[in-house]
Structure formats: structure tokens, C-alpha cells
Amino acid sequence: MESFRLKNIIILILALMNLCLLGLLGVRLTTGYSAQAEARQQMVQLFAAEVSLWMTALSPAPHRPPA
């Protein structure tokens, strides 16, 4: 009887530990996805700024009629 009870307690402890580890994995995945989304957004902003600079630098000067 005592070994049966001890075995059930150990199984319960292991199940709770697995639930905690699963929760930690979920938190890490969520953090990773949000960091990846933030990095993607920063790259889009950087690319847009770079394209804007190139377009400004490469655009022809406005034609001015001679005075």
C-alpha cells in the first residue's frame, strides 16, 4: 500500500513538472515570435528609408528654364 501511494506521488510530481516545462516552452516560443516580428518590422522600416534615400539621390534635378 505504501509503495503504491509513493508511486502515485512521484507520478503526480512528474506530471506537474511536465506542465511547468510545457508552460516555459510556450513562453519562450511566444517571446521568440514577438522578437522575430519586431525584427521584421525594423528591417521593413530600414529598407523603406534606404529606398527613399536612393530615390531622392537618383531623381533628376528639376528642369529650370534659362533666365
PDB file of N, CA and C in Angstrom:
ATOM      1  N   MET A   1       0.826  -1.197   0.000  1.00  0.00           N
ATOM      2  CA  MET A   1       0.000   0.000   0.000  1.00  0.00           C
ATOM      3  C   MET A   1       0.864   1.253   0.000  1.00  0.00           C
ATOM      4  N   GLU A   2       1.923   1.244   0.805  1.00  0.00           N
ATOM      5  CA  GLU A   2       2.799   2.411   0.909  1.00  0.00           C
ATOM      6  C   GLU A   2       3.534   2.671  -0.397  1.00  0.00           C
ATOM      7  N   SER A   3       3.998   1.615  -1.084  1.00  0.00           N
ATOM      8  CA  SER A   3       4.726   1.799  -2.346  1.00  0.00           C
ATOM      9  C   SER A   3       3.774   2.298  -3.440  1.00  0.00           C
ATOM     10  N   PHE A   4       2.510   1.880  -3.411  1.00  0.00           N
ATOM     11  CA  PHE A   4       1.523   2.345  -4.367  1.00  0.00           C
ATOM     12  C   PHE A   4       1.287   3.846  -4.198  1.00  0.00           C
ATOM     13  N   ARG A   5       1.194   4.278  -2.964  1.00  0.00           N
ATOM     14  CA  ARG A   5       0.980   5.709  -2.682  1.00  0.00           C
ATOM     15  C   ARG A   5       2.209   6.546  -3.084  1.00  0.00           C
ATOM     16  N   LEU A   6       3.390   6.032  -2.795  1.00  0.00           N
ATOM     17  CA  LEU A   6       4.627   6.719  -3.156  1.00  0.00           C
ATOM     18  C   LEU A   6       4.748   6.836  -4.673  1.00  0.00           C
ATOM     19  N   LYS A   7       4.388   5.764  -5.374  1.00  0.00           N
ATOM     20  CA  LYS A   7       4.436   5.788  -6.831  1.00  0.00           C
ATOM     21  C   LYS A   7       3.465   6.841  -7.380  1.00  0.00           C
ATOM     22  N   ASN A   8       2.285   6.949  -6.822  1.00  0.00           N
ATOM     23  CA  ASN A   8       1.314   7.951  -7.270  1.00  0.00           C
ATOM     24  C   ASN A   8       1.810   9.371  -7.007  1.00  0.00           C
ATOM     25  N   ILE A   9       2.473   9.585  -5.894  1.00  0.00           N
ATOM     26  CA  ILE A   9       3.015  10.912  -5.585  1.00  0.00           C
ATOM     27  C   ILE A   9       4.118  11.275  -6.575  1.00  0.00           C
ATOM     28  N   ILE A  10       4.978  10.331  -6.894  1.00  0.00           N
ATOM     29  CA  ILE A  10       6.055  10.573  -7.862  1.00  0.00           C
ATOM     30  C   ILE A  10       5.471  10.867  -9.241  1.00  0.00           C
ATOM     31  N   ILE A  11       4.463  10.126  -9.646  1.00  0.00           N
ATOM     32  CA  ILE A  11       3.816  10.375 -10.938  1.00  0.00           C
ATOM     33  C   ILE A  11       3.188  11.757 -10.960  1.00  0.00           C
ATOM     34  N   LEU A  12       2.552  12.154  -9.885  1.00  0.00           N
ATOM     35  CA  LEU A  12       1.945  13.483  -9.791  1.00  0.00           C
ATOM     36  C   LEU A  12       3.003  14.578  -9.887  1.00  0.00           C
ATOM     37  N   ILE A  13       4.121  14.398  -9.189  1.00  0.00           N
ATOM     38  CA  ILE A  13       5.213  15.378  -9.247  1.00  0.00           C
ATOM     39  C   ILE A  13       5.761  15.473 -10.669  1.00  0.00           C
ATOM     40  N   LEU A  14       5.957  14.352 -11.321  1.00  0.00           N
ATOM     41  CA  LEU A  14       6.467  14.358 -12.697  1.00  0.00           C
ATOM     42  C   LEU A  14       5.473  15.011 -13.662  1.00  0.00           C
ATOM     43  N   ALA A  15       4.196  14.765 -13.475  1.00  0.00           N
ATOM     44  CA  ALA A  15       3.185  15.382 -14.330  1.00  0.00           C
ATOM     45  C   ALA A  15       3.163  16.900 -14.135  1.00  0.00           C
ATOM     46  N   LEU A  16       3.276  17.355 -12.892  1.00  0.00           N
ATOM     47  CA  LEU A  16       3.311  18.800 -12.629  1.00  0.00           C
ATOM     48  C   LEU A  16       4.567  19.428 -13.223  1.00  0.00           C
ATOM     49  N   MET A  17       5.682  18.719 -13.134  1.00  0.00           N
ATOM     50  CA  MET A  17       6.920  19.233 -13.715  1.00  0.00           C
ATOM     51  C   MET A  17       6.792  19.341 -15.237  1.00  0.00           C
ATOM     52  N   ASN A  18       6.165  18.358 -15.870  1.00  0.00           N
ATOM     53  CA  ASN A  18       5.957  18.419 -17.307  1.00  0.00           C
ATOM     54  C   ASN A  18       5.073  19.602 -17.683  1.00  0.00           C
ATOM     55  N   LEU A  19       4.042  19.875 -16.898  1.00  0.00           N
ATOM     56  CA  LEU A  19       3.183  21.027 -17.166  1.00  0.00           C
ATOM     57  C   LEU A  19       3.966  22.338 -17.048  1.00  0.00           C
ATOM     58  N   CYS A  20       4.825  22.446 -16.055  1.00  0.00           N
ATOM     59  CA  CYS A  20       5.647  23.652 -15.904  1.00  0.00           C
ATOM     60  C   CYS A  20       6.604  23.814 -17.087  1.00  0.00           C
ATOM     61  N   LEU A  21       7.221  22.726 -17.495  1.00  0.00           N
ATOM     62  CA  LEU A  21       8.131  22.791 -18.641  1.00  0.00           C
ATOM     63  C   LEU A  21       7.383  23.153 -19.926  1.00  0.00           C
ATOM     64  N   LEU A  22       6.185  22.644 -20.089  1.00  0.00           N
ATOM     65  CA  LEU A  22       5.373  22.988 -21.246  1.00  0.00           C
ATOM     66  C   LEU A  22       5.007  24.468 -21.227  1.00  0.00           C
ATOM     67  N   GLY A  23       4.701  25.000 -20.052  1.00  0.00           N
ATOM     68  CA  GLY A  23       4.418  26.433 -19.926  1.00  0.00           C
ATOM     69  C   GLY A  23       5.630  27.277 -20.276  1.00  0.00           C
ATOM     70  N   LEU A  24       6.797  26.882 -19.802  1.00  0.00           N
ATOM     71  CA  LEU A  24       8.022  27.612 -20.124  1.00  0.00           C
ATOM     72  C   LEU A  24       8.316  27.572 -21.623  1.00  0.00           C
ATOM     73  N   LEU A  25       8.074  26.436 -22.239  1.00  0.00           N
ATOM     74  CA  LEU A  25       8.269  26.326 -23.685  1.00  0.00           C
ATOM     75  C   LEU A  25       7.326  27.266 -24.430  1.00  0.00           C
ATOM     76  N   GLY A  26       6.082  27.346 -23.978  1.00  0.00           N
ATOM     77  CA  GLY A  26       5.128  28.259 -24.592  1.00  0.00           C
ATOM     78  C   GLY A  26       5.551  29.709 -24.465  1.00  0.00           C
ATOM     79  N   VAL A  27       6.066  30.073 -23.304  1.00  0.00           N
ATOM     80  CA  VAL A  27       6.530  31.449 -23.097  1.00  0.00           C
ATOM     81  C   VAL A  27       7.713  31.756 -24.010  1.00  0.00           C
ATOM     82  N   ARG A  28       8.629  30.822 -24.119  1.00  0.00           N
ATOM     83  CA  ARG A  28       9.803  31.047 -24.987  1.00  0.00           C
ATOM     84  C   ARG A  28       9.412  31.150 -26.452  1.00  0.00           C
ATOM     85  N   LEU A  29       8.471  30.321 -26.890  1.00  0.00           N
ATOM     86  CA  LEU A  29       8.013  30.396 -28.275  1.00  0.00           C
ATOM     87  C   LEU A  29       7.334  31.734 -28.553  1.00  0.00           C
ATOM     88  N   THR A  30       6.497  32.169 -27.625  1.00  0.00           N
ATOM     89  CA  THR A  30       5.806  33.451 -27.795  1.00  0.00           C
ATOM     90  C   THR A  30       6.803  34.598 -27.833  1.00  0.00           C
ATOM     91  N   THR A  31       7.784  34.569 -26.967  1.00  0.00           N
ATOM     92  CA  THR A  31       8.817  35.603 -26.942  1.00  0.00           C
ATOM     93  C   THR A  31       9.614  35.592 -28.248  1.00  0.00           C
ATOM     94  N   GLY A  32       9.938  34.409 -28.732  1.00  0.00           N
ATOM     95  CA  GLY A  32      10.682  34.298 -29.984  1.00  0.00           C
ATOM     96  C   GLY A  32       9.895  34.843 -31.164  1.00  0.00           C
ATOM     97  N   TYR A  33       8.595  34.523 -31.216  1.00  0.00           N
ATOM     98  CA  TYR A  33       7.772  35.023 -32.321  1.00  0.00           C
ATOM     99  C   TYR A  33       7.641  36.538 -32.277  1.00  0.00           C
ATOM    100  N   SER A  34       7.480  37.098 -31.081  1.00  0.00           N
ATOM    101  CA  SER A  34       7.346  38.559 -30.995  1.00  0.00           C
ATOM    102  C   SER A  34       8.667  39.249 -31.339  1.00  0.00           C
ATOM    103  N   ALA A  35       9.785  38.672 -30.935  1.00  0.00           N
ATOM    104  CA  ALA A  35      11.086  39.254 -31.290  1.00  0.00           C
ATOM    105  C   ALA A  35      11.312  39.176 -32.796  1.00  0.00           C
ATOM    106  N   GLN A  36      10.897  38.090 -33.404  1.00  0.00           N
ATOM    107  CA  GLN A  36      11.061  37.940 -34.850  1.00  0.00           C
ATOM    108  C   GLN A  36      10.181  38.954 -35.586  1.00  0.00           C
ATOM    109  N   ALA A  37       8.967  39.163 -35.111  1.00  0.00           N
ATOM    110  CA  ALA A  37       8.075  40.132 -35.742  1.00  0.00           C
ATOM    111  C   ALA A  37       8.627  41.551 -35.599  1.00  0.00           C
ATOM    112  N   GLU A  38       9.191  41.856 -34.435  1.00  0.00           N
ATOM    113  CA  GLU A  38       9.777  43.177 -34.222  1.00  0.00           C
ATOM    114  C   GLU A  38      10.988  43.390 -35.137  1.00  0.00           C
ATOM    115  N   ALA A  39      11.824  42.374 -35.265  1.00  0.00           N
ATOM    116  CA  ALA A  39      12.995  42.481 -36.144  1.00  0.00           C
ATOM    117  C   ALA A  39      12.551  42.655 -37.598  1.00  0.00           C
ATOM    118  N   ARG A  40      11.506  41.943 -37.994  1.00  0.00           N
ATOM    119  CA  ARG A  40      10.994  42.079 -39.359  1.00  0.00           C
ATOM    120  C   ARG A  40      10.489  43.499 -39.598  1.00  0.00           C
ATOM    121  N   GLN A  41       9.772  44.055 -38.622  1.00  0.00           N
ATOM    122  CA  GLN A  41       9.252  45.414 -38.758  1.00  0.00           C
ATOM    123  C   GLN A  41      10.397  46.429 -38.858  1.00  0.00           C
ATOM    124  N   GLN A  42      11.442  46.240 -38.075  1.00  0.00           N
ATOM    125  CA  GLN A  42      12.586  47.148 -38.138  1.00  0.00           C
ATOM    126  C   GLN A  42      13.287  47.043 -39.496  1.00  0.00           C
ATOM    127  N   MET A  43      13.390  45.844 -40.043  1.00  0.00           N
ATOM    128  CA  MET A  43      14.014  45.684 -41.355  1.00  0.00           C
ATOM    129  C   MET A  43      13.186  46.351 -42.451  1.00  0.00           C
ATOM    130  N   VAL A  44      11.862  46.258 -42.348  1.00  0.00           N
ATOM    131  CA  VAL A  44      11.000  46.914 -43.329  1.00  0.00           C
ATOM    132  C   VAL A  44      11.178  48.423 -43.260  1.00  0.00           C
ATOM    133  N   GLN A  45      11.238  48.972 -42.059  1.00  0.00           N
ATOM    134  CA  GLN A  45      11.435  50.415 -41.906  1.00  0.00           C
ATOM    135  C   GLN A  45      12.799  50.836 -42.450  1.00  0.00           C
ATOM    136  N   LEU A  46      13.825  50.053 -42.154  1.00  0.00           N
ATOM    137  CA  LEU A  46      15.164  50.369 -42.646  1.00  0.00           C
ATOM    138  C   LEU A  46      15.208  50.317 -44.171  1.00  0.00           C
ATOM    139  N   PHE A  47      14.600  49.308 -44.749  1.00  0.00           N
ATOM    140  CA  PHE A  47      14.574  49.182 -46.198  1.00  0.00           C
ATOM    141  C   PHE A  47      13.815  50.347 -46.831  1.00  0.00           C
ATOM    142  N   ALA A  48      12.691  50.724 -46.236  1.00  0.00           N
ATOM    143  CA  ALA A  48      11.906  51.842 -46.775  1.00  0.00           C
ATOM    144  C   ALA A  48      12.711  53.138 -46.714  1.00  0.00           C
ATOM    145  N   ALA A  49      13.425  53.358 -45.635  1.00  0.00           N
ATOM    146  CA  ALA A  49      14.244  54.561 -45.514  1.00  0.00           C
ATOM    147  C   ALA A  49      15.383  54.539 -46.534  1.00  0.00           C
ATOM    148  N   GLU A  50      15.987  53.396 -46.735  1.00  0.00           N
ATOM    149  CA  GLU A  50      17.095  53.264 -47.684  1.00  0.00           C
ATOM    150  C   GLU A  50      16.605  53.503 -49.114  1.00  0.00           C
ATOM    151  N   VAL A  51      15.465  52.941 -49.453  1.00  0.00           N
ATOM    152  CA  VAL A  51      14.905  53.140 -50.795  1.00  0.00           C
ATOM    153  C   VAL A  51      14.571  54.607 -50.997  1.00  0.00           C
ATOM    154  N   SER A  52      14.026  55.237 -49.962  1.00  0.00           N
ATOM    155  CA  SER A  52      13.693  56.657 -50.062  1.00  0.00           C
ATOM    156  C   SER A  52      14.950  57.497 -50.309  1.00  0.00           C
ATOM    157  N   LEU A  53      16.028  57.185 -49.616  1.00  0.00           N
ATOM    158  CA  LEU A  53      17.282  57.909 -49.824  1.00  0.00           C
ATOM    159  C   LEU A  53      17.797  57.717 -51.250  1.00  0.00           C
ATOM    160  N   TRP A  54      17.736  56.470 -51.743  1.00  0.00           N
ATOM    161  CA  TRP A  54      18.214  56.202 -53.100  1.00  0.00           C
ATOM    162  C   TRP A  54      17.348  56.908 -54.143  1.00  0.00           C
ATOM    163  N   MET A  55      16.053  56.910 -53.916  1.00  0.00           N
ATOM    164  CA  MET A  55      15.166  57.561 -54.878  1.00  0.00           C
ATOM    165  C   MET A  55      15.418  59.066 -54.906  1.00  0.00           C
ATOM    166  N   THR A  56      15.687  59.651 -53.752  1.00  0.00           N
ATOM    167  CA  THR A  56      15.988  61.075 -53.689  1.00  0.00           C
ATOM    168  C   THR A  56      17.321  61.366 -54.377  1.00  0.00           C
ATOM    169  N   ALA A  57      18.302  60.517 -54.132  1.00  0.00           N
ATOM    170  CA  ALA A  57      19.634  60.740 -54.711  1.00  0.00           C
ATOM    171  C   ALA A  57      19.643  60.530 -56.224  1.00  0.00           C
ATOM    172  N   LEU A  58      18.833  59.622 -56.720  1.00  0.00           N
ATOM    173  CA  LEU A  58      18.863  59.286 -58.140  1.00  0.00           C
ATOM    174  C   LEU A  58      17.862  60.077 -58.978  1.00  0.00           C
ATOM    175  N   SER A  59      16.960  60.789 -58.323  1.00  0.00           N
ATOM    176  CA  SER A  59      15.957  61.516 -59.095  1.00  0.00           C
ATOM    177  C   SER A  59      16.628  62.705 -59.789  1.00  0.00           C
ATOM    178  N   PRO A  60      16.214  62.971 -61.014  1.00  0.00           N
ATOM    179  CA  PRO A  60      16.832  64.073 -61.743  1.00  0.00           C
ATOM    180  C   PRO A  60      16.426  65.418 -61.128  1.00  0.00           C
ATOM    181  N   ALA A  61      17.329  66.369 -61.260  1.00  0.00           N
ATOM    182  CA  ALA A  61      17.040  67.705 -60.745  1.00  0.00           C
ATOM    183  C   ALA A  61      15.935  68.327 -61.595  1.00  0.00           C
ATOM    184  N   PRO A  62      15.070  69.126 -61.014  1.00  0.00           N
ATOM    185  CA  PRO A  62      14.010  69.737 -61.789  1.00  0.00           C
ATOM    186  C   PRO A  62      14.602  70.662 -62.861  1.00  0.00           C
ATOM    187  N   HIS A  63      13.998  70.632 -64.013  1.00  0.00           N
ATOM    188  CA  HIS A  63      14.480  71.452 -65.149  1.00  0.00           C
ATOM    189  C   HIS A  63      14.071  72.906 -64.937  1.00  0.00           C
ATOM    190  N   ARG A  64      15.066  73.770 -64.962  1.00  0.00           N
ATOM    191  CA  ARG A  64      14.806  75.214 -64.821  1.00  0.00           C
ATOM    192  C   ARG A  64      15.039  75.883 -66.171  1.00  0.00           C
ATOM    193  N   PRO A  65      14.078  76.630 -66.614  1.00  0.00           N
ATOM    194  CA  PRO A  65      14.291  77.333 -67.891  1.00  0.00           C
ATOM    195  C   PRO A  65      15.364  78.406 -67.742  1.00  0.00           C
ATOM    196  N   PRO A  66      16.112  78.660 -68.790  1.00  0.00           N
ATOM    197  CA  PRO A  66      17.161  79.694 -68.702  1.00  0.00           C
ATOM    198  C   PRO A  66      16.540  81.064 -68.460  1.00  0.00           C
ATOM    199  N   ALA A  67      17.241  81.873 -67.731  1.00  0.00           N
ATOM    200  CA  ALA A  67      16.717  83.202 -67.386  1.00  0.00           C
ATOM    201  C   ALA A  67      16.894  84.223 -68.456  1.00  0.00           C
TER     202      ALA A  67
END
